[in-house]
Amino acid sequence: MENTADFRHSYSRDRQQLVRRLSRLEGQVRGVARMIERDEYCIDILQQTSALRAAVDSVALLVMEDHVAGCLKTAVTTGDAEAYTEEVMDVVRRSLGRPVRTRASSD
């Protein structure tokens, strides 16, 4: 939610780990593409896509943990906790395939 030029996102402390994980994901995606190009067995491809999904979830969880530990914690001290909490819950709902609540429907 912060837009100032000097603001550092909470994930900055894990930036290198996130970039490494994303690079690994890139390689996995290319590997699945090669499997499809080579007409490999469907189940093998599905297993690899399942591994991809788990890896993406792992990246998302790390960013979320950093967000809660940093950005949300800061929001509590600055009085912006409600907006940040709502934002986090919207992301969680989307990731679980649940509808995002609007202010009117959450009352």
Protein backbone atom coordinates (compact mmCIF):
# COMPACT_ATOMS: atom_id res chain seq x y z
CA MET A 1 0.00 0.00 0.00
CA GLU A 2 2.98 2.30 0.55
CA ASN A 3 4.08 4.29 -2.50
CA THR A 4 6.88 6.54 -1.24
CA ALA A 5 10.17 6.28 -3.09
CA ASP A 6 12.19 5.55 0.05
CA PHE A 7 9.86 2.83 1.32
CA ARG A 8 11.36 -0.67 1.58
CA HIS A 9 9.00 -3.59 1.30
CA SER A 10 9.25 -6.17 4.03
CA TYR A 11 10.33 -8.84 1.55
CA SER A 12 13.53 -6.87 0.93
CA ARG A 13 15.25 -8.90 3.64
CA ASP A 14 14.45 -12.13 1.75
CA ARG A 15 14.98 -10.69 -1.73
CA GLN A 16 17.90 -12.98 -2.63
CA GLN A 17 16.07 -16.09 -1.43
CA LEU A 18 12.96 -15.07 -3.38
CA VAL A 19 14.95 -14.40 -6.56
CA ARG A 20 16.67 -17.81 -6.23
CA ARG A 21 13.34 -19.57 -5.78
CA LEU A 22 11.85 -17.74 -8.75
CA SER A 23 14.86 -18.62 -10.90
CA ARG A 24 14.40 -22.25 -9.92
CA LEU A 25 10.72 -21.94 -10.85
CA GLU A 26 11.67 -20.56 -14.26
CA GLY A 27 13.81 -23.63 -14.84
CA GLN A 28 11.00 -25.93 -13.75
CA VAL A 29 8.57 -24.23 -16.13
CA ARG A 30 11.03 -24.63 -19.01
CA GLY A 31 11.43 -28.28 -18.02
CA VAL A 32 7.68 -28.85 -18.20
CA ALA A 33 7.57 -27.13 -21.60
CA ARG A 34 10.31 -29.50 -22.82
CA MET A 35 8.35 -32.46 -21.48
CA ILE A 36 5.32 -31.36 -23.48
CA GLU A 37 7.42 -30.75 -26.60
CA ARG A 38 8.80 -34.29 -26.27
CA ASP A 39 5.33 -35.79 -25.78
CA GLU A 40 6.21 -37.21 -22.37
CA TYR A 41 3.73 -39.14 -20.25
CA CYS A 42 0.79 -37.04 -18.99
CA ILE A 43 1.14 -38.19 -15.38
CA ASP A 44 4.80 -37.15 -15.31
CA ILE A 45 3.82 -33.70 -16.57
CA LEU A 46 1.04 -33.45 -13.99
CA GLN A 47 3.48 -34.37 -11.22
CA GLN A 48 5.80 -31.60 -12.36
CA THR A 49 2.96 -29.06 -12.51
CA SER A 50 2.01 -30.07 -8.98
CA ALA A 51 5.60 -29.40 -7.88
CA LEU A 52 5.43 -26.02 -9.64
CA ARG A 53 2.25 -25.11 -7.79
CA ALA A 54 3.87 -26.03 -4.46
CA ALA A 55 6.94 -23.94 -5.32
CA VAL A 56 4.79 -20.92 -6.25
CA ASP A 57 2.85 -21.32 -3.01
CA SER A 58 6.14 -21.38 -1.12
CA VAL A 59 7.20 -18.06 -2.68
CA ALA A 60 3.80 -16.53 -1.95
CA LEU A 61 3.91 -17.71 1.66
CA LEU A 62 7.35 -16.20 2.21
CA VAL A 63 6.21 -12.85 0.79
CA MET A 64 3.06 -13.02 2.95
CA GLU A 65 5.09 -13.83 6.08
CA ASP A 66 7.38 -10.89 5.39
CA HIS A 67 4.38 -8.64 4.74
CA VAL A 68 2.71 -9.57 8.02
CA ALA A 69 5.96 -9.34 9.99
CA GLY A 70 6.94 -5.99 8.46
CA CYS A 71 4.31 -4.00 6.59
CA LEU A 72 1.34 -5.09 8.69
CA LYS A 73 3.28 -4.66 11.93
CA THR A 74 4.21 -1.13 10.84
CA ALA A 75 0.60 -0.43 9.86
CA VAL A 76 -0.52 -1.33 13.37
CA THR A 77 1.85 1.23 14.87
CA THR A 78 0.80 3.94 12.38
CA GLY A 79 -2.94 3.34 12.70
CA ASP A 80 -3.39 1.76 9.25
CA ALA A 81 -3.97 -1.78 10.53
CA GLU A 82 -7.56 -2.10 9.32
CA ALA A 83 -6.74 -1.37 5.67
CA TYR A 84 -3.69 -3.65 5.68
CA THR A 85 -5.57 -6.46 7.44
CA GLU A 86 -8.37 -6.21 4.89
CA GLU A 87 -5.83 -6.30 2.06
CA VAL A 88 -4.13 -9.42 3.48
CA MET A 89 -7.45 -11.19 3.97
CA ASP A 90 -8.49 -10.40 0.38
CA VAL A 91 -5.31 -12.07 -0.87
CA VAL A 92 -5.89 -15.09 1.38
CA ARG A 93 -9.49 -15.39 0.19
CA ARG A 94 -8.43 -15.22 -3.47
CA SER A 95 -5.73 -17.83 -2.94
CA LEU A 96 -8.33 -20.15 -1.40
CA GLY A 97 -10.76 -19.52 -4.25
CA ARG A 98 -13.16 -17.61 -2.02
CA PRO A 99 -14.96 -14.42 -2.99
CA VAL A 100 -13.36 -11.19 -1.89
CA ARG A 101 -15.57 -9.31 0.51
CA THR A 102 -16.64 -5.78 -0.17
CA ARG A 103 -17.10 -3.38 2.71
CA ALA A 104 -20.90 -3.66 2.37
CA SER A 105 -20.93 -7.47 2.54
CA SER A 106 -18.55 -7.72 5.50
CA ASP A 107 -20.88 -5.88 7.90
